[in-house]
PDB file of N, CA and C in Angstrom:
ATOM      1  N   MET A   1     -33.089 126.350-106.295  1.00  0.00           N
ATOM      2  CA  MET A   1     -32.381 127.007-105.225  1.00  0.00           C
ATOM      3  C   MET A   1     -33.527 127.537-104.119  1.00  0.00           C
ATOM      4  N   SER A   2     -33.272 127.690-103.223  1.00  0.00           N
ATOM      5  CA  SER A   2     -34.146 128.105-101.814  1.00  0.00           C
ATOM      6  C   SER A   2     -33.911 129.488-101.867  1.00  0.00           C
ATOM      7  N   ASP A   3     -34.966 130.064-101.161  1.00  0.00           N
ATOM      8  CA  ASP A   3     -35.099 131.546-100.888  1.00  0.00           C
ATOM      9  C   ASP A   3     -34.533 131.901 -99.774  1.00  0.00           C
ATOM     10  N   MET A   4     -34.292 130.978 -98.754  1.00  0.00           N
ATOM     11  CA  MET A   4     -33.707 131.236 -97.672  1.00  0.00           C
ATOM     12  C   MET A   4     -32.450 131.660 -97.679  1.00  0.00           C
ATOM     13  N   THR A   5     -31.924 132.887 -96.695  1.00  0.00           N
ATOM     14  CA  THR A   5     -30.784 133.413 -96.644  1.00  0.00           C
ATOM     15  C   THR A   5     -29.701 132.285 -95.850  1.00  0.00           C
ATOM     16  N   THR A   6     -28.504 132.506 -96.028  1.00  0.00           N
ATOM     17  CA  THR A   6     -27.500 131.662 -95.173  1.00  0.00           C
ATOM     18  C   THR A   6     -27.945 131.711 -93.781  1.00  0.00           C
ATOM     19  N   GLU A   7     -28.119 133.022 -93.182  1.00  0.00           N
ATOM     20  CA  GLU A   7     -28.706 132.991 -91.722  1.00  0.00           C
ATOM     21  C   GLU A   7     -29.599 132.144 -91.460  1.00  0.00           C
ATOM     22  N   GLU A   8     -30.597 132.168 -92.306  1.00  0.00           N
ATOM     23  CA  GLU A   8     -31.934 131.305 -91.992  1.00  0.00           C
ATOM     24  C   GLU A   8     -31.810 129.961 -92.028  1.00  0.00           C
ATOM     25  N   LYS A   9     -30.473 129.259 -92.894  1.00  0.00           N
ATOM     26  CA  LYS A   9     -30.423 127.998 -92.728  1.00  0.00           C
ATOM     27  C   LYS A   9     -29.732 127.641 -91.509  1.00  0.00           C
ATOM     28  N   GLU A  10     -29.737 126.283 -91.233  1.00  0.00           N
ATOM     29  CA  GLU A  10     -28.904 125.785 -90.324  1.00  0.00           C
ATOM     30  C   GLU A  10     -27.568 125.801 -90.544  1.00  0.00           C
ATOM     31  N   VAL A  11     -26.510 126.484 -89.900  1.00  0.00           N
ATOM     32  CA  VAL A  11     -25.351 126.166 -90.259  1.00  0.00           C
ATOM     33  C   VAL A  11     -24.786 125.168 -89.622  1.00  0.00           C
ATOM     34  N   SER A  12     -23.865 124.496 -90.597  1.00  0.00           N
ATOM     35  CA  SER A  12     -22.924 123.525 -90.264  1.00  0.00           C
ATOM     36  C   SER A  12     -21.850 123.631 -89.437  1.00  0.00           C
ATOM     37  N   PHE A  13     -21.142 122.754 -88.706  1.00  0.00           N
ATOM     38  CA  PHE A  13     -19.974 123.128 -88.078  1.00  0.00           C
ATOM     39  C   PHE A  13     -18.926 123.702 -88.869  1.00  0.00           C
ATOM     40  N   GLY A  14     -18.604 123.444 -90.143  1.00  0.00           N
ATOM     41  CA  GLY A  14     -17.819 124.143 -90.932  1.00  0.00           C
ATOM     42  C   GLY A  14     -18.119 125.385 -91.174  1.00  0.00           C
ATOM     43  N   GLY A  15     -19.298 125.710 -91.345  1.00  0.00           N
ATOM     44  CA  GLY A  15     -19.965 127.167 -91.557  1.00  0.00           C
ATOM     45  C   GLY A  15     -19.877 127.969 -90.255  1.00  0.00           C
ATOM     46  N   LYS A  16     -20.157 127.455 -89.120  1.00  0.00           N
ATOM     47  CA  LYS A  16     -19.672 128.041 -87.858  1.00  0.00           C
ATOM     48  C   LYS A  16     -18.297 128.374 -87.586  1.00  0.00           C
ATOM     49  N   ALA A  17     -17.447 127.270 -88.028  1.00  0.00           N
ATOM     50  CA  ALA A  17     -15.912 127.434 -87.778  1.00  0.00           C
ATOM     51  C   ALA A  17     -15.339 128.319 -88.743  1.00  0.00           C
ATOM     52  N   VAL A  18     -16.117 129.229 -90.007  1.00  0.00           N
ATOM     53  CA  VAL A  18     -15.447 129.911 -90.653  1.00  0.00           C
ATOM     54  C   VAL A  18     -16.366 131.212 -90.603  1.00  0.00           C
ATOM     55  N   GLY A  19     -17.312 131.539 -89.768  1.00  0.00           N
ATOM     56  CA  GLY A  19     -18.253 132.561 -89.646  1.00  0.00           C
ATOM     57  C   GLY A  19     -18.747 132.772 -91.007  1.00  0.00           C
ATOM     58  N   LEU A  20     -19.369 131.851 -91.424  1.00  0.00           N
ATOM     59  CA  LEU A  20     -20.153 131.764 -93.046  1.00  0.00           C
ATOM     60  C   LEU A  20     -21.110 132.930 -92.849  1.00  0.00           C
ATOM     61  N   THR A  21     -21.769 133.246 -91.814  1.00  0.00           N
ATOM     62  CA  THR A  21     -22.852 134.179 -91.949  1.00  0.00           C
ATOM     63  C   THR A  21     -22.413 135.647 -91.644  1.00  0.00           C
ATOM     64  N   PHE A  22     -21.158 135.872 -91.467  1.00  0.00           N
ATOM     65  CA  PHE A  22     -20.421 137.151 -91.390  1.00  0.00           C
ATOM     66  C   PHE A  22     -19.629 137.389 -92.381  1.00  0.00           C
ATOM     67  N   ASN A  23     -20.252 138.487 -93.261  1.00  0.00           N
ATOM     68  CA  ASN A  23     -19.812 138.938 -94.270  1.00  0.00           C
ATOM     69  C   ASN A  23     -20.419 140.318 -94.437  1.00  0.00           C
ATOM     70  N   PRO A  24     -19.636 141.478 -93.675  1.00  0.00           N
ATOM     71  CA  PRO A  24     -20.445 142.558 -93.634  1.00  0.00           C
ATOM     72  C   PRO A  24     -20.421 143.462 -95.152  1.00  0.00           C
ATOM     73  N   SER A  25     -19.207 142.898 -95.747  1.00  0.00           N
ATOM     74  CA  SER A  25     -19.210 143.696 -97.138  1.00  0.00           C
ATOM     75  C   SER A  25     -19.825 143.064 -98.464  1.00  0.00           C
ATOM     76  N   ASN A  26     -20.652 142.016 -97.871  1.00  0.00           N
ATOM     77  CA  ASN A  26     -21.316 141.069 -99.155  1.00  0.00           C
ATOM     78  C   ASN A  26     -20.368 140.825-100.225  1.00  0.00           C
ATOM     79  N   ASP A  27     -19.064 140.579 -99.816  1.00  0.00           N
ATOM     80  CA  ASP A  27     -17.903 140.336-100.862  1.00  0.00           C
ATOM     81  C   ASP A  27     -18.546 139.036-101.489  1.00  0.00           C
ATOM     82  N   SER A  28     -18.711 138.665-102.861  1.00  0.00           N
ATOM     83  CA  SER A  28     -18.990 137.327-103.444  1.00  0.00           C
ATOM     84  C   SER A  28     -17.788 136.371-103.250  1.00  0.00           C
ATOM     85  N   THR A  29     -16.663 137.071-103.183  1.00  0.00           N
ATOM     86  CA  THR A  29     -15.373 136.240-103.189  1.00  0.00           C
ATOM     87  C   THR A  29     -14.929 135.764-101.802  1.00  0.00           C
ATOM     88  N   VAL A  30     -15.256 136.662-101.003  1.00  0.00           N
ATOM     89  CA  VAL A  30     -15.283 136.258 -99.588  1.00  0.00           C
ATOM     90  C   VAL A  30     -16.127 135.014 -99.419  1.00  0.00           C
ATOM     91  N   GLN A  31     -17.339 135.287 -99.810  1.00  0.00           N
ATOM     92  CA  GLN A  31     -18.687 134.328 -99.460  1.00  0.00           C
ATOM     93  C   GLN A  31     -18.194 132.851-100.018  1.00  0.00           C
ATOM     94  N   LYS A  32     -17.523 132.891-101.170  1.00  0.00           N
ATOM     95  CA  LYS A  32     -16.935 131.504-102.092  1.00  0.00           C
ATOM     96  C   LYS A  32     -15.948 130.977-101.158  1.00  0.00           C
ATOM     97  N   VAL A  33     -15.011 131.848-100.706  1.00  0.00           N
ATOM     98  CA  VAL A  33     -13.786 131.151-100.128  1.00  0.00           C
ATOM     99  C   VAL A  33     -14.363 130.541 -98.579  1.00  0.00           C
ATOM    100  N   LYS A  34     -15.076 131.311 -97.892  1.00  0.00           N
ATOM    101  CA  LYS A  34     -15.866 130.749 -96.888  1.00  0.00           C
ATOM    102  C   LYS A  34     -16.526 129.435 -97.133  1.00  0.00           C
ATOM    103  N   GLU A  35     -17.305 129.566 -98.033  1.00  0.00           N
ATOM    104  CA  GLU A  35     -18.138 128.245 -98.358  1.00  0.00           C
ATOM    105  C   GLU A  35     -17.320 126.912 -98.579  1.00  0.00           C
ATOM    106  N   LEU A  36     -16.152 127.265 -99.414  1.00  0.00           N
ATOM    107  CA  LEU A  36     -15.168 126.139 -99.725  1.00  0.00           C
ATOM    108  C   LEU A  36     -14.399 125.626 -98.461  1.00  0.00           C
ATOM    109  N   TYR A  37     -14.023 126.476 -97.823  1.00  0.00           N
ATOM    110  CA  TYR A  37     -13.263 126.166 -96.273  1.00  0.00           C
ATOM    111  C   TYR A  37     -14.350 125.460 -95.508  1.00  0.00           C
ATOM    112  N   ALA A  38     -15.544 125.957 -95.507  1.00  0.00           N
ATOM    113  CA  ALA A  38     -16.476 125.161 -94.549  1.00  0.00           C
ATOM    114  C   ALA A  38     -16.720 123.715 -94.987  1.00  0.00           C
ATOM    115  N   GLU A  39     -16.548 123.620 -96.487  1.00  0.00           N
ATOM    116  CA  GLU A  39     -17.113 122.287 -96.763  1.00  0.00           C
ATOM    117  C   GLU A  39     -15.673 121.333 -96.424  1.00  0.00           C
ATOM    118  N   ILE A  40     -14.398 121.827 -96.741  1.00  0.00           N
ATOM    119  CA  ILE A  40     -13.466 121.113 -96.395  1.00  0.00           C
ATOM    120  C   ILE A  40     -13.444 120.705 -94.718  1.00  0.00           C
ATOM    121  N   ILE A  41     -13.846 121.720 -94.117  1.00  0.00           N
ATOM    122  CA  ILE A  41     -13.883 121.463 -92.440  1.00  0.00           C
ATOM    123  C   ILE A  41     -15.057 120.677 -92.220  1.00  0.00           C
ATOM    124  N   ASP A  42     -16.136 120.482 -92.729  1.00  0.00           N
ATOM    125  CA  ASP A  42     -17.307 119.737 -92.523  1.00  0.00           C
ATOM    126  C   ASP A  42     -16.723 118.347 -93.044  1.00  0.00           C
ATOM    127  N   LEU A  43     -16.179 118.005 -93.886  1.00  0.00           N
ATOM    128  CA  LEU A  43     -15.431 116.860 -94.453  1.00  0.00           C
ATOM    129  C   LEU A  43     -14.694 116.124 -93.228  1.00  0.00           C
ATOM    130  N   CYS A  44     -13.462 117.319 -92.999  1.00  0.00           N
ATOM    131  CA  CYS A  44     -12.414 116.722 -91.778  1.00  0.00           C
ATOM    132  C   CYS A  44     -13.170 116.499 -90.583  1.00  0.00           C
ATOM    133  N   ASN A  45     -14.288 117.323 -90.031  1.00  0.00           N
ATOM    134  CA  ASN A  45     -15.104 116.830 -89.009  1.00  0.00           C
ATOM    135  C   ASN A  45     -15.774 115.773 -88.959  1.00  0.00           C
ATOM    136  N   ASN A  46     -16.494 115.323 -89.883  1.00  0.00           N
ATOM    137  CA  ASN A  46     -16.949 113.964 -90.078  1.00  0.00           C
ATOM    138  C   ASN A  46     -15.816 112.722 -90.300  1.00  0.00           C
ATOM    139  N   LEU A  47     -14.704 113.119 -90.985  1.00  0.00           N
ATOM    140  CA  LEU A  47     -13.833 111.984 -90.626  1.00  0.00           C
ATOM    141  C   LEU A  47     -13.019 111.916 -89.462  1.00  0.00           C
ATOM    142  N   ARG A  48     -12.949 112.880 -88.818  1.00  0.00           N
ATOM    143  CA  ARG A  48     -12.562 113.097 -87.277  1.00  0.00           C
ATOM    144  C   ARG A  48     -13.477 112.093 -86.375  1.00  0.00           C
ATOM    145  N   THR A  49     -14.763 112.315 -86.426  1.00  0.00           N
ATOM    146  CA  THR A  49     -15.750 111.786 -85.655  1.00  0.00           C
ATOM    147  C   THR A  49     -15.676 110.163 -85.754  1.00  0.00           C
ATOM    148  N   GLU A  50     -15.538 109.712 -87.248  1.00  0.00           N
ATOM    149  CA  GLU A  50     -15.360 108.177 -87.589  1.00  0.00           C
ATOM    150  C   GLU A  50     -14.102 107.803 -86.993  1.00  0.00           C
ATOM    151  N   ALA A  51     -12.929 108.692 -86.862  1.00  0.00           N
ATOM    152  CA  ALA A  51     -11.585 108.337 -86.581  1.00  0.00           C
ATOM    153  C   ALA A  51     -11.629 107.961 -85.016  1.00  0.00           C
ATOM    154  N   GLY A  52     -12.448 109.020 -84.324  1.00  0.00           N
ATOM    155  CA  GLY A  52     -12.387 108.486 -82.837  1.00  0.00           C
ATOM    156  C   GLY A  52     -11.266 109.367 -82.317  1.00  0.00           C
ATOM    157  N   GLN A  53     -11.018 109.168 -81.002  1.00  0.00           N
ATOM    158  CA  GLN A  53      -9.925 109.447 -80.102  1.00  0.00           C
ATOM    159  C   GLN A  53      -8.805 108.872 -80.462  1.00  0.00           C
ATOM    160  N   GLY A  54      -7.480 109.430 -80.401  1.00  0.00           N
ATOM    161  CA  GLY A  54      -6.162 109.021 -80.672  1.00  0.00           C
ATOM    162  C   GLY A  54      -5.549 109.881 -81.992  1.00  0.00           C
ATOM    163  N   GLU A  55      -4.354 109.252 -82.551  1.00  0.00           N
ATOM    164  CA  GLU A  55      -3.724 110.185 -83.294  1.00  0.00           C
ATOM    165  C   GLU A  55      -4.233 110.544 -84.606  1.00  0.00           C
ATOM    166  N   LYS A  56      -5.056 109.828 -85.259  1.00  0.00           N
ATOM    167  CA  LYS A  56      -5.634 110.121 -86.404  1.00  0.00           C
ATOM    168  C   LYS A  56      -6.795 111.152 -86.174  1.00  0.00           C
ATOM    169  N   GLY A  57      -7.706 111.227 -85.024  1.00  0.00           N
ATOM    170  CA  GLY A  57      -8.621 112.239 -84.870  1.00  0.00           C
ATOM    171  C   GLY A  57      -7.948 113.527 -84.416  1.00  0.00           C
ATOM    172  N   ARG A  58      -6.695 113.390 -83.612  1.00  0.00           N
ATOM    173  CA  ARG A  58      -5.889 114.835 -83.375  1.00  0.00           C
ATOM    174  C   ARG A  58      -5.669 115.195 -84.681  1.00  0.00           C
ATOM    175  N   MET A  59      -5.076 114.536 -85.685  1.00  0.00           N
ATOM    176  CA  MET A  59      -4.460 115.038 -86.897  1.00  0.00           C
ATOM    177  C   MET A  59      -5.739 115.819 -87.747  1.00  0.00           C
ATOM    178  N   PHE A  60      -6.955 115.384 -87.691  1.00  0.00           N
ATOM    179  CA  PHE A  60      -7.978 116.075 -88.335  1.00  0.00           C
ATOM    180  C   PHE A  60      -8.344 117.334 -87.646  1.00  0.00           C
ATOM    181  N   SER A  61      -8.248 117.209 -86.173  1.00  0.00           N
ATOM    182  CA  SER A  61      -8.392 118.561 -85.322  1.00  0.00           C
ATOM    183  C   SER A  61      -7.290 119.732 -85.887  1.00  0.00           C
ATOM    184  N   VAL A  62      -6.273 119.182 -86.016  1.00  0.00           N
ATOM    185  CA  VAL A  62      -5.233 120.179 -86.395  1.00  0.00           C
ATOM    186  C   VAL A  62      -5.501 120.411 -87.905  1.00  0.00           C
ATOM    187  N   ALA A  63      -5.907 119.757 -88.771  1.00  0.00           N
ATOM    188  CA  ALA A  63      -6.415 120.293 -90.253  1.00  0.00           C
ATOM    189  C   ALA A  63      -7.557 121.213 -90.101  1.00  0.00           C
ATOM    190  N   ILE A  64      -8.266 120.731 -89.253  1.00  0.00           N
ATOM    191  CA  ILE A  64      -9.435 121.885 -88.969  1.00  0.00           C
ATOM    192  C   ILE A  64      -9.224 123.166 -88.567  1.00  0.00           C
ATOM    193  N   THR A  65      -8.206 123.066 -87.679  1.00  0.00           N
ATOM    194  CA  THR A  65      -7.534 124.483 -87.228  1.00  0.00           C
ATOM    195  C   THR A  65      -6.640 125.064 -88.548  1.00  0.00           C
ATOM    196  N   GLU A  66      -5.922 124.487 -88.970  1.00  0.00           N
ATOM    197  CA  GLU A  66      -5.085 125.079 -90.202  1.00  0.00           C
ATOM    198  C   GLU A  66      -6.078 125.531 -91.291  1.00  0.00           C
ATOM    199  N   ALA A  67      -7.328 124.832 -91.510  1.00  0.00           N
ATOM    200  CA  ALA A  67      -8.188 125.227 -92.723  1.00  0.00           C
ATOM    201  C   ALA A  67      -8.630 126.665 -92.300  1.00  0.00           C
ATOM    202  N   GLN A  68      -9.028 126.775 -90.724  1.00  0.00           N
ATOM    203  CA  GLN A  68      -9.784 127.944 -90.159  1.00  0.00           C
ATOM    204  C   GLN A  68      -8.709 129.094 -90.465  1.00  0.00           C
ATOM    205  N   THR A  69      -7.427 128.807 -90.292  1.00  0.00           N
ATOM    206  CA  THR A  69      -6.563 129.691 -90.306  1.00  0.00           C
ATOM    207  C   THR A  69      -6.115 130.243 -91.805  1.00  0.00           C
ATOM    208  N   ALA A  70      -5.935 129.302 -92.724  1.00  0.00           N
ATOM    209  CA  ALA A  70      -6.045 129.595 -94.101  1.00  0.00           C
ATOM    210  C   ALA A  70      -7.087 130.496 -94.398  1.00  0.00           C
ATOM    211  N   GLN A  71      -8.362 130.229 -94.017  1.00  0.00           N
ATOM    212  CA  GLN A  71      -9.446 130.759 -94.312  1.00  0.00           C
ATOM    213  C   GLN A  71      -9.257 132.393 -94.101  1.00  0.00           C
ATOM    214  N   MET A  72      -8.710 132.446 -92.818  1.00  0.00           N
ATOM    215  CA  MET A  72      -8.896 133.733 -92.295  1.00  0.00           C
ATOM    216  C   MET A  72      -7.895 134.611 -92.978  1.00  0.00           C
ATOM    217  N   TRP A  73      -6.796 134.017 -93.257  1.00  0.00           N
ATOM    218  CA  TRP A  73      -5.747 134.667 -94.224  1.00  0.00           C
ATOM    219  C   TRP A  73      -6.139 134.999 -95.537  1.00  0.00           C
ATOM    220  N   ALA A  74      -6.960 133.948 -96.228  1.00  0.00           N
ATOM    221  CA  ALA A  74      -7.237 134.462 -97.550  1.00  0.00           C
ATOM    222  C   ALA A  74      -8.502 135.643 -97.570  1.00  0.00           C
ATOM    223  N   VAL A  75      -9.407 135.550 -96.371  1.00  0.00           N
ATOM    224  CA  VAL A  75     -10.143 136.610 -96.563  1.00  0.00           C
ATOM    225  C   VAL A  75      -9.396 138.041 -96.086  1.00  0.00           C
ATOM    226  N   LYS A  76      -8.542 138.094 -95.389  1.00  0.00           N
ATOM    227  CA  LYS A  76      -7.626 139.095 -94.994  1.00  0.00           C
ATOM    228  C   LYS A  76      -6.931 139.655 -96.432  1.00  0.00           C
ATOM    229  N   ALA A  77      -6.709 138.770 -97.267  1.00  0.00           N
ATOM    230  CA  ALA A  77      -6.223 139.283 -98.592  1.00  0.00           C
ATOM    231  C   ALA A  77      -6.960 139.649 -99.367  1.00  0.00           C
ATOM    232  N   ILE A  78      -8.340 139.182 -99.722  1.00  0.00           N
ATOM    233  CA  ILE A  78      -9.590 139.656-100.461  1.00  0.00           C
ATOM    234  C   ILE A  78      -9.509 141.152-100.163  1.00  0.00           C
ATOM    235  N   THR A  79      -9.910 141.329 -98.854  1.00  0.00           N
ATOM    236  CA  THR A  79     -10.278 142.476 -98.466  1.00  0.00           C
ATOM    237  C   THR A  79      -9.368 143.443 -98.061  1.00  0.00           C
ATOM    238  N   TRP A  80      -7.889 143.262 -98.244  1.00  0.00           N
ATOM    239  CA  TRP A  80      -7.038 143.929 -98.244  1.00  0.00           C
ATOM    240  C   TRP A  80      -6.937 145.439 -99.121  1.00  0.00           C
ATOM    241  N   LYS A  81      -6.948 146.605 -98.323  1.00  0.00           N
ATOM    242  CA  LYS A  81      -6.950 147.683 -98.980  1.00  0.00           C
ATOM    243  C   LYS A  81      -5.493 148.219 -99.073  1.00  0.00           C
ATOM    244  N   ASN A  82      -4.992 148.708-100.093  1.00  0.00           N
ATOM    245  CA  ASN A  82      -3.732 149.365-100.398  1.00  0.00           C
ATOM    246  C   ASN A  82      -3.665 150.857-100.052  1.00  0.00           C
TER     247      ASN A  82
END
């Protein structure tokens, strides 16, 4: 395992899309959720690139947006204070 922090590594498209380097509470569950959604978004982005313009590419764009939304709601739920 590398000694580099997440901020020191080049952040992927998915990592940028979920704000992988932003976790002010250093919550390990938040980090894990963001990492998993970043992986999903990276996969969809690669498939979108392969698909090119057209309906299939648009659907991957929608999937990316919806994954970002789901990630944000998951982080909101994890950090919710009663």
